[in-house]
Amino acid sequence: MSIWWSLHLRREAASVPLARRLLLGAMETAGVEPDIAYELSLALSEACANAVEHGGGPQHAGDYRVTAYLNGDMCRIEVTDHGPGFVPPALPPGTADLVETENGRGLFLINALADRVRFRNRPGDGAVVTFDKVLKWRDDAPLLAV
């Protein structure tokens, strides 16, 4: 089974819980285990919060996009903004340094919650944060991956 959806959202704080709830609803409907769905929704919330805070540019100050793909036992989520882009921080093996910093904790959480994370800048038109996670399914999952 393969499904995907995409949201075009305003860079407003209210868009973050909206994206999170839509993802949780899709995961629950598909039959993804709640712990996996929660981890993905938390990572999505962090990526969306970064897009809301940092993702504006002169021509696209008001929007960003979230796309989620469920393909078999894999979920891929992309959050694309129109900000200046960024240099991802080097994530040390421990967390002590990040707990003390003002910025970078969201990126650390995304890395901790996902199986694979990629950051890409689009020169002159923002950044893309992509993360993947292997799904686990409830026994009664209607869209159980085969």
C-alpha atoms as a PDB file:
ATOM      1  CA  MET A   1       0.000   0.000   0.000  1.00  0.00           C
ATOM      2  CA  SER A   2       1.239   3.446  -0.891  1.00  0.00           C
ATOM      3  CA  ILE A   3      -0.380   6.777  -0.014  1.00  0.00           C
ATOM      4  CA  TRP A   4       0.801  10.373   0.139  1.00  0.00           C
ATOM      5  CA  TRP A   5      -0.573  13.794   0.965  1.00  0.00           C
ATOM      6  CA  SER A   6       0.693  17.336   0.782  1.00  0.00           C
ATOM      7  CA  LEU A   7      -0.262  20.480   2.685  1.00  0.00           C
ATOM      8  CA  HIS A   8       0.418  24.063   1.716  1.00  0.00           C
ATOM      9  CA  LEU A   9       0.410  25.981   5.015  1.00  0.00           C
ATOM     10  CA  ARG A  10       0.740  29.570   6.173  1.00  0.00           C
ATOM     11  CA  ARG A  11       3.740  30.391   8.318  1.00  0.00           C
ATOM     12  CA  GLU A  12       1.583  30.783  11.412  1.00  0.00           C
ATOM     13  CA  ALA A  13       1.904  29.028  14.750  1.00  0.00           C
ATOM     14  CA  ALA A  14      -1.585  27.503  14.325  1.00  0.00           C
ATOM     15  CA  SER A  15      -0.388  25.513  11.301  1.00  0.00           C
ATOM     16  CA  VAL A  16       1.947  23.364  13.420  1.00  0.00           C
ATOM     17  CA  PRO A  17      -0.717  21.507  15.446  1.00  0.00           C
ATOM     18  CA  LEU A  18      -2.873  21.254  12.311  1.00  0.00           C
ATOM     19  CA  ALA A  19      -0.115  19.411  10.415  1.00  0.00           C
ATOM     20  CA  ARG A  20       0.566  17.236  13.456  1.00  0.00           C
ATOM     21  CA  ARG A  21      -3.111  16.270  13.886  1.00  0.00           C
ATOM     22  CA  LEU A  22      -3.492  15.440  10.189  1.00  0.00           C
ATOM     23  CA  LEU A  23      -0.436  13.182  10.330  1.00  0.00           C
ATOM     24  CA  LEU A  24      -1.651  11.468  13.521  1.00  0.00           C
ATOM     25  CA  GLY A  25      -5.087  10.922  11.982  1.00  0.00           C
ATOM     26  CA  ALA A  26      -3.616   9.420   8.827  1.00  0.00           C
ATOM     27  CA  MET A  27      -1.329   7.159  10.863  1.00  0.00           C
ATOM     28  CA  GLU A  28      -4.159   6.007  13.106  1.00  0.00           C
ATOM     29  CA  THR A  29      -6.435   5.323  10.138  1.00  0.00           C
ATOM     30  CA  ALA A  30      -3.688   3.376   8.342  1.00  0.00           C
ATOM     31  CA  GLY A  31      -2.993   1.313  11.476  1.00  0.00           C
ATOM     32  CA  VAL A  32       0.496   2.512  12.399  1.00  0.00           C
ATOM     33  CA  GLU A  33       1.505   1.695  15.980  1.00  0.00           C
ATOM     34  CA  PRO A  34       0.784   4.699  18.225  1.00  0.00           C
ATOM     35  CA  ASP A  35       4.377   5.059  19.479  1.00  0.00           C
ATOM     36  CA  ILE A  36       5.726   5.320  15.929  1.00  0.00           C
ATOM     37  CA  ALA A  37       2.965   7.759  14.933  1.00  0.00           C
ATOM     38  CA  TYR A  38       3.733   9.896  18.001  1.00  0.00           C
ATOM     39  CA  GLU A  39       7.469  10.011  17.218  1.00  0.00           C
ATOM     40  CA  LEU A  40       6.768  11.038  13.621  1.00  0.00           C
ATOM     41  CA  SER A  41       4.286  13.683  14.734  1.00  0.00           C
ATOM     42  CA  LEU A  42       6.784  15.156  17.195  1.00  0.00           C
ATOM     43  CA  ALA A  43       9.498  15.294  14.516  1.00  0.00           C
ATOM     44  CA  LEU A  44       6.986  16.913  12.137  1.00  0.00           C
ATOM     45  CA  SER A  45       6.055  19.490  14.780  1.00  0.00           C
ATOM     46  CA  GLU A  46       9.709  20.458  15.195  1.00  0.00           C
ATOM     47  CA  ALA A  47      10.269  20.755  11.432  1.00  0.00           C
ATOM     48  CA  CYS A  48       7.098  22.838  11.020  1.00  0.00           C
ATOM     49  CA  ALA A  49       8.017  25.094  13.951  1.00  0.00           C
ATOM     50  CA  ASN A  50      11.382  25.755  12.280  1.00  0.00           C
ATOM     51  CA  ALA A  51       9.651  26.589   8.995  1.00  0.00           C
ATOM     52  CA  VAL A  52       7.259  28.957  10.771  1.00  0.00           C
ATOM     53  CA  GLU A  53      10.064  30.714  12.644  1.00  0.00           C
ATOM     54  CA  HIS A  54      12.824  30.786  10.023  1.00  0.00           C
ATOM     55  CA  GLY A  55      11.238  29.866   6.686  1.00  0.00           C
ATOM     56  CA  GLY A  56      10.248  33.193   5.186  1.00  0.00           C
ATOM     57  CA  GLY A  57      11.746  34.950   2.229  1.00  0.00           C
ATOM     58  CA  PRO A  58      11.066  38.161   0.340  1.00  0.00           C
ATOM     59  CA  GLN A  59       8.781  36.537  -2.242  1.00  0.00           C
ATOM     60  CA  HIS A  60       7.264  33.691  -0.186  1.00  0.00           C
ATOM     61  CA  ALA A  61       7.119  35.039   3.344  1.00  0.00           C
ATOM     62  CA  GLY A  62       3.773  33.465   4.149  1.00  0.00           C
ATOM     63  CA  ASP A  63       3.895  29.769   3.329  1.00  0.00           C
ATOM     64  CA  TYR A  64       5.601  26.389   3.608  1.00  0.00           C
ATOM     65  CA  ARG A  65       4.775  22.857   2.490  1.00  0.00           C
ATOM     66  CA  VAL A  66       4.533  19.486   4.240  1.00  0.00           C
ATOM     67  CA  THR A  67       4.438  16.265   2.215  1.00  0.00           C
ATOM     68  CA  ALA A  68       4.109  12.789   3.735  1.00  0.00           C
ATOM     69  CA  TYR A  69       4.611   9.508   1.887  1.00  0.00           C
ATOM     70  CA  LEU A  70       3.674   6.093   3.269  1.00  0.00           C
ATOM     71  CA  ASN A  71       5.096   3.379   1.074  1.00  0.00           C
ATOM     72  CA  GLY A  72       5.018  -0.160   2.435  1.00  0.00           C
ATOM     73  CA  ASP A  73       6.681  -0.049   5.819  1.00  0.00           C
ATOM     74  CA  MET A  74       8.384   3.347   5.324  1.00  0.00           C
ATOM     75  CA  CYS A  75       7.182   6.874   6.001  1.00  0.00           C
ATOM     76  CA  ARG A  76       8.965   9.869   4.495  1.00  0.00           C
ATOM     77  CA  ILE A  77       8.097  13.410   5.489  1.00  0.00           C
ATOM     78  CA  GLU A  78       9.376  16.569   3.807  1.00  0.00           C
ATOM     79  CA  VAL A  79       9.002  20.108   5.105  1.00  0.00           C
ATOM     80  CA  THR A  80       9.909  22.756   2.533  1.00  0.00           C
ATOM     81  CA  ASP A  81      10.155  26.459   3.321  1.00  0.00           C
ATOM     82  CA  HIS A  82      11.193  29.632   1.527  1.00  0.00           C
ATOM     83  CA  GLY A  83      13.649  31.034   4.045  1.00  0.00           C
ATOM     84  CA  PRO A  84      17.358  31.758   3.762  1.00  0.00           C
ATOM     85  CA  GLY A  85      18.349  28.116   4.289  1.00  0.00           C
ATOM     86  CA  PHE A  86      20.679  27.026   7.061  1.00  0.00           C
ATOM     87  CA  VAL A  87      23.762  25.058   7.910  1.00  0.00           C
ATOM     88  CA  PRO A  88      22.662  22.021   9.932  1.00  0.00           C
ATOM     89  CA  PRO A  89      24.510  21.821  13.218  1.00  0.00           C
ATOM     90  CA  ALA A  90      26.938  18.973  13.758  1.00  0.00           C
ATOM     91  CA  LEU A  91      25.102  16.770  16.214  1.00  0.00           C
ATOM     92  CA  PRO A  92      27.427  15.461  18.911  1.00  0.00           C
ATOM     93  CA  PRO A  93      26.977  11.958  20.319  1.00  0.00           C
ATOM     94  CA  GLY A  94      25.721  13.395  23.641  1.00  0.00           C
ATOM     95  CA  THR A  95      22.924  15.861  24.241  1.00  0.00           C
ATOM     96  CA  ALA A  96      24.384  17.995  27.016  1.00  0.00           C
ATOM     97  CA  ASP A  97      25.634  20.744  24.684  1.00  0.00           C
ATOM     98  CA  LEU A  98      22.281  21.040  22.911  1.00  0.00           C
ATOM     99  CA  VAL A  99      20.262  21.292  26.110  1.00  0.00           C
ATOM    100  CA  GLU A 100      22.177  24.471  26.979  1.00  0.00           C
ATOM    101  CA  THR A 101      21.797  26.130  23.569  1.00  0.00           C
ATOM    102  CA  GLU A 102      18.933  28.334  22.464  1.00  0.00           C
ATOM    103  CA  ASN A 103      18.766  26.944  18.908  1.00  0.00           C
ATOM    104  CA  GLY A 104      19.202  23.530  17.335  1.00  0.00           C
ATOM    105  CA  ARG A 105      17.182  21.397  19.745  1.00  0.00           C
ATOM    106  CA  GLY A 106      14.419  20.816  17.187  1.00  0.00           C
ATOM    107  CA  LEU A 107      16.906  19.507  14.640  1.00  0.00           C
ATOM    108  CA  PHE A 108      18.417  17.283  17.309  1.00  0.00           C
ATOM    109  CA  LEU A 109      14.966  15.880  18.144  1.00  0.00           C
ATOM    110  CA  ILE A 110      14.207  15.189  14.486  1.00  0.00           C
ATOM    111  CA  ASN A 111      17.509  13.299  14.245  1.00  0.00           C
ATOM    112  CA  ALA A 112      16.744  11.353  17.413  1.00  0.00           C
ATOM    113  CA  LEU A 113      13.188  10.394  16.383  1.00  0.00           C
ATOM    114  CA  ALA A 114      13.723   9.499  12.714  1.00  0.00           C
ATOM    115  CA  ASP A 115      15.731   6.701  11.145  1.00  0.00           C
ATOM    116  CA  ARG A 116      17.246   8.933   8.462  1.00  0.00           C
ATOM    117  CA  VAL A 117      17.355  12.734   8.181  1.00  0.00           C
ATOM    118  CA  ARG A 118      18.517  14.951   5.340  1.00  0.00           C
ATOM    119  CA  PHE A 119      18.828  18.723   5.146  1.00  0.00           C
ATOM    120  CA  ARG A 120      19.016  20.473   1.780  1.00  0.00           C
ATOM    121  CA  ASN A 121      19.212  24.141   0.919  1.00  0.00           C
ATOM    122  CA  ARG A 122      17.726  25.495  -2.271  1.00  0.00           C
ATOM    123  CA  PRO A 123      19.831  28.567  -3.073  1.00  0.00           C
ATOM    124  CA  GLY A 124      17.636  31.636  -2.989  1.00  0.00           C
ATOM    125  CA  ASP A 125      14.493  29.677  -2.086  1.00  0.00           C
ATOM    126  CA  GLY A 126      14.680  28.038   1.306  1.00  0.00           C
ATOM    127  CA  ALA A 127      15.406  24.681   2.831  1.00  0.00           C
ATOM    128  CA  VAL A 128      14.039  21.142   2.763  1.00  0.00           C
ATOM    129  CA  VAL A 129      14.090  18.883   5.808  1.00  0.00           C
ATOM    130  CA  THR A 130      13.381  15.246   4.905  1.00  0.00           C
ATOM    131  CA  PHE A 131      13.107  12.427   7.404  1.00  0.00           C
ATOM    132  CA  ASP A 132      12.253   8.737   7.135  1.00  0.00           C
ATOM    133  CA  LYS A 133      11.032   6.219   9.669  1.00  0.00           C
ATOM    134  CA  VAL A 134      10.298   2.512   9.397  1.00  0.00           C
ATOM    135  CA  LEU A 135       6.678   1.895  10.331  1.00  0.00           C
ATOM    136  CA  LYS A 136       5.357  -0.743  12.670  1.00  0.00           C
ATOM    137  CA  TRP A 137       1.740  -1.777  12.280  1.00  0.00           C
ATOM    138  CA  ARG A 138      -1.023  -2.688  14.699  1.00  0.00           C
ATOM    139  CA  ASP A 139      -2.340  -6.234  14.289  1.00  0.00           C
ATOM    140  CA  ASP A 140      -5.685  -4.854  13.100  1.00  0.00           C
ATOM    141  CA  ALA A 141      -4.162  -2.338  10.647  1.00  0.00           C
ATOM    142  CA  PRO A 142      -6.442  -1.848   7.630  1.00  0.00           C
ATOM    143  CA  LEU A 143      -3.515  -0.753   5.427  1.00  0.00           C
ATOM    144  CA  LEU A 144      -1.051  -3.321   6.748  1.00  0.00           C
ATOM    145  CA  ALA A 145       2.085  -3.357   4.624  1.00  0.00           C
ATOM    146  CA  VAL A 146       2.604  -6.672   2.898  1.00  0.00           C
END
